[in-house]
Each structure stands twice: as C-alpha cells, then as structure tokens.
C-alpha atoms as a PDB file:
ATOM      1  CA  UNK A   1      90.218  93.221 100.121  1.00  0.00           C
ATOM      2  CA  UNK A   2      88.062  91.986  97.294  1.00  0.00           C
ATOM      3  CA  UNK A   3      88.672  88.304  96.734  1.00  0.00           C
ATOM      4  CA  UNK A   4      89.403  86.731  93.377  1.00  0.00           C
ATOM      5  CA  UNK A   5      87.069  84.165  91.902  1.00  0.00           C
ATOM      6  CA  UNK A   6      87.535  80.759  93.455  1.00  0.00           C
ATOM      7  CA  UNK A   7      90.214  81.852  95.925  1.00  0.00           C
ATOM      8  CA  UNK A   8      89.452  81.845  99.640  1.00  0.00           C
ATOM      9  CA  UNK A   9      90.076  85.123 101.423  1.00  0.00           C
ATOM     10  CA  UNK A  10      91.210  84.961 105.004  1.00  0.00           C
ATOM     11  CA  UNK A  11      89.569  87.011 107.708  1.00  0.00           C
ATOM     12  CA  UNK A  12      91.231  86.392 111.005  1.00  0.00           C
ATOM     13  CA  UNK A  13      91.761  82.800 112.031  1.00  0.00           C
ATOM     14  CA  UNK A  14      89.141  81.329 109.704  1.00  0.00           C
ATOM     15  CA  UNK A  15      89.087  81.262 105.921  1.00  0.00           C
ATOM     16  CA  UNK A  16      86.106  82.769 104.145  1.00  0.00           C
ATOM     17  CA  UNK A  17      84.962  81.003 101.020  1.00  0.00           C
ATOM     18  CA  UNK A  18      84.702  83.103  97.873  1.00  0.00           C
ATOM     19  CA  UNK A  19      81.793  82.189  95.659  1.00  0.00           C
ATOM     20  CA  UNK A  20      82.710  82.352  91.960  1.00  0.00           C
ATOM     21  CA  UNK A  21      80.281  83.996  89.592  1.00  0.00           C
ATOM     22  CA  UNK A  22      78.833  86.402  92.122  1.00  0.00           C
ATOM     23  CA  UNK A  23      79.283  90.136  92.177  1.00  0.00           C
ATOM     24  CA  UNK A  24      81.657  91.850  94.567  1.00  0.00           C
ATOM     25  CA  UNK A  25      82.629  90.190  97.822  1.00  0.00           C
ATOM     26  CA  UNK A  26      84.199  91.981 100.762  1.00  0.00           C
ATOM     27  CA  UNK A  27      86.120  90.517 103.679  1.00  0.00           C
ATOM     28  CA  UNK A  28      87.323  92.398 106.710  1.00  0.00           C
ATOM     29  CA  UNK A  29      90.706  91.514 108.145  1.00  0.00           C
ATOM     30  CA  UNK A  30      91.724  91.366 111.771  1.00  0.00           C
ATOM     31  CA  UNK A  31      95.473  91.756 111.477  1.00  0.00           C
ATOM     32  CA  UNK A  32      95.899  95.495 110.895  1.00  0.00           C
ATOM     33  CA  UNK A  33      93.863  98.653 111.411  1.00  0.00           C
ATOM     34  CA  UNK A  34      93.967 101.517 108.917  1.00  0.00           C
ATOM     35  CA  UNK A  35      96.238 104.360 110.006  1.00  0.00           C
ATOM     36  CA  UNK A  36      94.708 107.207 111.942  1.00  0.00           C
ATOM     37  CA  UNK A  37      91.512 105.504 113.161  1.00  0.00           C
ATOM     38  CA  UNK A  38      90.212 106.071 116.671  1.00  0.00           C
ATOM     39  CA  UNK A  39      88.397 103.485 118.772  1.00  0.00           C
ATOM     40  CA  UNK A  40      86.410 103.949 121.967  1.00  0.00           C
ATOM     41  CA  UNK A  41      85.755 101.345 124.635  1.00  0.00           C
ATOM     42  CA  UNK A  42      82.930 101.677 127.155  1.00  0.00           C
ATOM     43  CA  UNK A  43      83.468  99.527 130.250  1.00  0.00           C
ATOM     44  CA  UNK A  44      81.149  98.702 133.132  1.00  0.00           C
ATOM     45  CA  UNK A  45      82.672  99.178 136.599  1.00  0.00           C
ATOM     46  CA  UNK A  46      80.217  96.633 138.026  1.00  0.00           C
ATOM     47  CA  UNK A  47      82.047  93.288 138.243  1.00  0.00           C
ATOM     48  CA  UNK A  48      85.284  95.171 137.546  1.00  0.00           C
ATOM     49  CA  UNK A  49      87.458  92.170 138.387  1.00  0.00           C
ATOM     50  CA  UNK A  50      85.971  90.644 135.220  1.00  0.00           C
ATOM     51  CA  UNK A  51      85.526  93.750 133.061  1.00  0.00           C
ATOM     52  CA  UNK A  52      89.081  94.893 133.787  1.00  0.00           C
ATOM     53  CA  UNK A  53      90.379  91.645 132.289  1.00  0.00           C
ATOM     54  CA  UNK A  54      88.089  92.068 129.270  1.00  0.00           C
ATOM     55  CA  UNK A  55      89.460  95.596 128.833  1.00  0.00           C
ATOM     56  CA  UNK A  56      93.074  94.390 129.043  1.00  0.00           C
ATOM     57  CA  UNK A  57      92.393  91.819 126.331  1.00  0.00           C
ATOM     58  CA  UNK A  58      90.681  94.328 124.056  1.00  0.00           C
ATOM     59  CA  UNK A  59      93.402  96.962 124.494  1.00  0.00           C
ATOM     60  CA  UNK A  60      96.220  94.480 123.815  1.00  0.00           C
ATOM     61  CA  UNK A  61      94.458  93.251 120.661  1.00  0.00           C
ATOM     62  CA  UNK A  62      93.847  96.754 119.303  1.00  0.00           C
ATOM     63  CA  UNK A  63      97.421  97.893 119.978  1.00  0.00           C
ATOM     64  CA  UNK A  64      98.800  94.721 118.349  1.00  0.00           C
ATOM     65  CA  UNK A  65      96.747  95.596 115.244  1.00  0.00           C
ATOM     66  CA  UNK A  66      98.502  98.957 115.004  1.00  0.00           C
ATOM     67  CA  UNK A  67      96.134 101.287 116.848  1.00  0.00           C
ATOM     68  CA  UNK A  68      98.063 104.154 118.369  1.00  0.00           C
ATOM     69  CA  UNK A  69      97.619 104.251 122.158  1.00  0.00           C
ATOM     70  CA  UNK A  70      96.602 107.905 121.951  1.00  0.00           C
ATOM     71  CA  UNK A  71      93.774 106.952 119.570  1.00  0.00           C
ATOM     72  CA  UNK A  72      92.106 104.653 122.102  1.00  0.00           C
ATOM     73  CA  UNK A  73      89.669 106.258 124.516  1.00  0.00           C
ATOM     74  CA  UNK A  74      88.011 104.466 127.460  1.00  0.00           C
ATOM     75  CA  UNK A  75      84.810 105.525 129.221  1.00  0.00           C
ATOM     76  CA  UNK A  76      83.874 103.822 132.498  1.00  0.00           C
ATOM     77  CA  UNK A  77      80.172 103.575 133.356  1.00  0.00           C
ATOM     78  CA  UNK A  78      78.555 102.386 136.614  1.00  0.00           C
ATOM     79  CA  UNK A  79      77.021  99.183 135.229  1.00  0.00           C
ATOM     80  CA  UNK A  80      76.084  97.305 132.078  1.00  0.00           C
ATOM     81  CA  UNK A  81      72.739  99.089 131.826  1.00  0.00           C
ATOM     82  CA  UNK A  82      74.572 102.377 131.141  1.00  0.00           C
ATOM     83  CA  UNK A  83      76.700 100.979 128.306  1.00  0.00           C
ATOM     84  CA  UNK A  84      74.292 101.819 125.425  1.00  0.00           C
ATOM     85  CA  UNK A  85      73.878 105.491 126.373  1.00  0.00           C
ATOM     86  CA  UNK A  86      77.610 106.137 126.686  1.00  0.00           C
ATOM     87  CA  UNK A  87      78.270 104.151 123.488  1.00  0.00           C
ATOM     88  CA  UNK A  88      75.656 106.160 121.619  1.00  0.00           C
ATOM     89  CA  UNK A  89      77.162 109.465 122.763  1.00  0.00           C
ATOM     90  CA  UNK A  90      80.621 108.360 121.650  1.00  0.00           C
ATOM     91  CA  UNK A  91      79.325 106.999 118.334  1.00  0.00           C
ATOM     92  CA  UNK A  92      77.415 110.237 117.677  1.00  0.00           C
ATOM     93  CA  UNK A  93      80.600 112.285 118.110  1.00  0.00           C
ATOM     94  CA  UNK A  94      81.883 111.124 114.712  1.00  0.00           C
ATOM     95  CA  UNK A  95      85.373 110.660 116.174  1.00  0.00           C
ATOM     96  CA  UNK A  96      85.476 106.860 116.236  1.00  0.00           C
ATOM     97  CA  UNK A  97      85.651 104.021 113.708  1.00  0.00           C
ATOM     98  CA  UNK A  98      84.134 101.667 116.308  1.00  0.00           C
ATOM     99  CA  UNK A  99      82.872 101.589 119.879  1.00  0.00           C
ATOM    100  CA  UNK A 100      83.371  98.447 121.963  1.00  0.00           C
ATOM    101  CA  UNK A 101      81.095  97.790 124.941  1.00  0.00           C
ATOM    102  CA  UNK A 102      82.426  95.572 127.737  1.00  0.00           C
ATOM    103  CA  UNK A 103      80.458  94.333 130.720  1.00  0.00           C
ATOM    104  CA  UNK A 104      79.631  91.305 132.830  1.00  0.00           C
ATOM    105  CA  UNK A 105      76.103  90.381 133.821  1.00  0.00           C
ATOM    106  CA  UNK A 106      76.036  87.436 136.212  1.00  0.00           C
ATOM    107  CA  UNK A 107      72.830  85.630 137.166  1.00  0.00           C
ATOM    108  CA  UNK A 108      71.627  86.145 140.702  1.00  0.00           C
ATOM    109  CA  UNK A 109      68.637  84.836 142.624  1.00  0.00           C
ATOM    110  CA  UNK A 110      66.068  86.712 140.502  1.00  0.00           C
ATOM    111  CA  UNK A 111      65.503  87.346 136.789  1.00  0.00           C
ATOM    112  CA  UNK A 112      66.987  90.851 137.054  1.00  0.00           C
ATOM    113  CA  UNK A 113      70.004  89.780 134.971  1.00  0.00           C
ATOM    114  CA  UNK A 114      67.771  88.747 132.064  1.00  0.00           C
ATOM    115  CA  UNK A 115      66.072  92.144 131.918  1.00  0.00           C
ATOM    116  CA  UNK A 116      69.404  93.974 132.058  1.00  0.00           C
ATOM    117  CA  UNK A 117      70.987  91.735 129.401  1.00  0.00           C
ATOM    118  CA  UNK A 118      68.024  92.156 127.052  1.00  0.00           C
ATOM    119  CA  UNK A 119      67.965  95.948 127.387  1.00  0.00           C
ATOM    120  CA  UNK A 120      71.731  96.244 126.975  1.00  0.00           C
ATOM    121  CA  UNK A 121      71.829  94.008 123.907  1.00  0.00           C
ATOM    122  CA  UNK A 122      68.992  95.850 122.220  1.00  0.00           C
ATOM    123  CA  UNK A 123      70.452  99.245 123.092  1.00  0.00           C
ATOM    124  CA  UNK A 124      73.868  98.416 121.687  1.00  0.00           C
ATOM    125  CA  UNK A 125      72.398  96.965 118.489  1.00  0.00           C
ATOM    126  CA  UNK A 126      70.113  99.987 117.999  1.00  0.00           C
ATOM    127  CA  UNK A 127      73.035 102.357 118.524  1.00  0.00           C
ATOM    128  CA  UNK A 128      75.101 100.561 115.895  1.00  0.00           C
ATOM    129  CA  UNK A 129      72.385 100.684 113.251  1.00  0.00           C
ATOM    130  CA  UNK A 130      71.322 104.256 114.036  1.00  0.00           C
ATOM    131  CA  UNK A 131      74.911 105.560 113.870  1.00  0.00           C
ATOM    132  CA  UNK A 132      76.088 103.364 110.975  1.00  0.00           C
ATOM    133  CA  UNK A 133      79.092 102.404 113.050  1.00  0.00           C
ATOM    134  CA  UNK A 134      80.317  99.140 114.553  1.00  0.00           C
ATOM    135  CA  UNK A 135      79.184  99.200 118.187  1.00  0.00           C
ATOM    136  CA  UNK A 136      80.208  95.842 119.556  1.00  0.00           C
ATOM    137  CA  UNK A 137      78.609  93.702 122.245  1.00  0.00           C
ATOM    138  CA  UNK A 138      81.351  92.447 124.545  1.00  0.00           C
ATOM    139  CA  UNK A 139      79.032  91.808 127.465  1.00  0.00           C
ATOM    140  CA  UNK A 140      79.290  88.494 129.264  1.00  0.00           C
ATOM    141  CA  UNK A 141      75.945  87.021 130.343  1.00  0.00           C
ATOM    142  CA  UNK A 142      76.908  84.179 132.648  1.00  0.00           C
ATOM    143  CA  UNK A 143      75.257  81.900 135.162  1.00  0.00           C
ATOM    144  CA  UNK A 144      78.148  82.134 137.613  1.00  0.00           C
ATOM    145  CA  UNK A 145      81.306  84.018 138.503  1.00  0.00           C
ATOM    146  CA  UNK A 146      83.318  80.955 137.448  1.00  0.00           C
ATOM    147  CA  UNK A 147      81.831  81.148 133.940  1.00  0.00           C
ATOM    148  CA  UNK A 148      82.657  84.853 133.744  1.00  0.00           C
ATOM    149  CA  UNK A 149      86.243  84.281 134.871  1.00  0.00           C
ATOM    150  CA  UNK A 150      86.660  81.545 132.266  1.00  0.00           C
ATOM    151  CA  UNK A 151      85.580  84.010 129.540  1.00  0.00           C
ATOM    152  CA  UNK A 152      87.747  86.867 130.800  1.00  0.00           C
ATOM    153  CA  UNK A 153      91.139  85.359 130.114  1.00  0.00           C
ATOM    154  CA  UNK A 154      90.539  81.901 131.565  1.00  0.00           C
ATOM    155  CA  UNK A 155      89.884  78.521 129.974  1.00  0.00           C
ATOM    156  CA  UNK A 156      87.288  79.903 127.515  1.00  0.00           C
ATOM    157  CA  UNK A 157      89.548  82.691 126.219  1.00  0.00           C
ATOM    158  CA  UNK A 158      89.047  86.426 126.548  1.00  0.00           C
ATOM    159  CA  UNK A 159      85.840  87.809 125.077  1.00  0.00           C
ATOM    160  CA  UNK A 160      87.350  91.305 125.220  1.00  0.00           C
ATOM    161  CA  UNK A 161      90.000  90.158 122.746  1.00  0.00           C
ATOM    162  CA  UNK A 162      87.344  88.525 120.564  1.00  0.00           C
ATOM    163  CA  UNK A 163      85.262  91.698 120.576  1.00  0.00           C
ATOM    164  CA  UNK A 164      88.298  93.771 119.567  1.00  0.00           C
ATOM    165  CA  UNK A 165      89.008  91.356 116.689  1.00  0.00           C
ATOM    166  CA  UNK A 166      85.400  91.771 115.527  1.00  0.00           C
ATOM    167  CA  UNK A 167      85.792  95.561 115.737  1.00  0.00           C
ATOM    168  CA  UNK A 168      88.951  95.449 113.606  1.00  0.00           C
ATOM    169  CA  UNK A 169      87.254  93.229 111.026  1.00  0.00           C
ATOM    170  CA  UNK A 170      84.236  95.522 110.828  1.00  0.00           C
ATOM    171  CA  UNK A 171      86.377  98.658 110.534  1.00  0.00           C
ATOM    172  CA  UNK A 172      88.369  97.145 107.656  1.00  0.00           C
ATOM    173  CA  UNK A 173      85.225  95.744 106.016  1.00  0.00           C
ATOM    174  CA  UNK A 174      83.276  99.003 106.147  1.00  0.00           C
ATOM    175  CA  UNK A 175      86.297 100.887 104.785  1.00  0.00           C
ATOM    176  CA  UNK A 176      85.918  98.804 101.607  1.00  0.00           C
ATOM    177  CA  UNK A 177      82.196  99.342 101.181  1.00  0.00           C
ATOM    178  CA  UNK A 178      81.010 102.734 100.015  1.00  0.00           C
ATOM    179  CA  UNK A 179      78.621 104.625 102.250  1.00  0.00           C
ATOM    180  CA  UNK A 180      74.922 104.152 101.683  1.00  0.00           C
ATOM    181  CA  UNK A 181      73.422 105.893  98.691  1.00  0.00           C
ATOM    182  CA  UNK A 182      71.484 109.048  99.348  1.00  0.00           C
ATOM    183  CA  UNK A 183      67.733 108.718  98.973  1.00  0.00           C
ATOM    184  CA  UNK A 184      66.450 109.477  95.521  1.00  0.00           C
ATOM    185  CA  UNK A 185      65.219 113.010  95.161  1.00  0.00           C
ATOM    186  CA  UNK A 186      62.131 113.751  93.068  1.00  0.00           C
ATOM    187  CA  UNK A 187      62.967 115.020  89.607  1.00  0.00           C
ATOM    188  CA  UNK A 188      62.120 118.617  88.737  1.00  0.00           C
ATOM    189  CA  UNK A 189      58.752 119.507  87.292  1.00  0.00           C
ATOM    190  CA  UNK A 190      55.289 119.784  88.692  1.00  0.00           C
ATOM    191  CA  UNK A 191      52.368 117.451  88.772  1.00  0.00           C
END
C-alpha cells in the first residue's frame, strides 16, 4: 500500500507516519498474506519446551493471516547453531516468501551462549541478505529459563507471534517494491 500525502498508513498495531513531499513510501501490513505464498519455519529442538511454544504462536499468527496450512513447512534442527544452515537451504530453494527461525539460547555458567547467539544472529542476517528474502530472527537470548518462558507465551508475550507478524509485514512490503535493478551492462563498441 502506498500511502497518500499527509495520511498515516497503518502497519500492524502501530501507525506509520507518511512524510508529505517525499517520493514513494511503502508500508507492509500484518493483517493478511497474499494468496499462494509459502512460509518455512526452522525450529531448534534444544529447549523444546520453549521453542514449541514459539512455534505454536508463529503458526497461529500465520494461519490467522490467511496462510494455508499446507503452505507452511517446518524443519526441526538439533540446536540454535544449526538454524542458519537449514534456513539458508530453505531460502535457496526459491519456494518460500519468508523463513522464520525460532530458538532459545539460555545463559549458563560460561560464555558459550554468547558465542552461539552471535554466530546464529550473523548467520541468519547473512542468509537474508544473500537470498534477498526475509529470514527472521526469532531466537530468544535470555539470562534464565524464567525469562524465556515469559517470552514464549508468558507475561512478555510470544516472540514467535511477533516474528510471524514481522514476516507477514516484510512479505507484503517486498511484494510492493520491485526487485533490484540488474547491473548496468557496458554499451556496445570497443575501446
């Protein structure tokens, strides 16, 4: 949806301000997915009591936005560290409008969690840019199990739902924006 001058366009629960006098402005929406799109979710089995709740939230959100159940594929990986590789393989297939990554990294007695979280975040971001596809980071990085539970359907909401909303917004936004221009080719003639 391209917004009119001076009129706010809504994108999910928050309004987005349109800036009059500028060129085109695009806003993704989170209420409805385009017909026929496919979405993949990659889920870590490690901390599955948490990641299962994230998955339930994401699935419910996507189905409520009109995604057909048969157009939602889920890949389970051993742990968060494996999320980027599976996401990249799914993104490279060309079958999906978005790939959502769900995991839970909980601090232990060492700094191991920090190294995992950094690698996972960078891998997911690199996959998204390399594939030109929304690959979303729905990985909890918490100090305790209580914090993770609060963010997986508890007092702090469900980050799986939030990640699915972001996926829907990005799918609808990118559908409005034309694909990147091809690189300029040298004109004919010799030097």
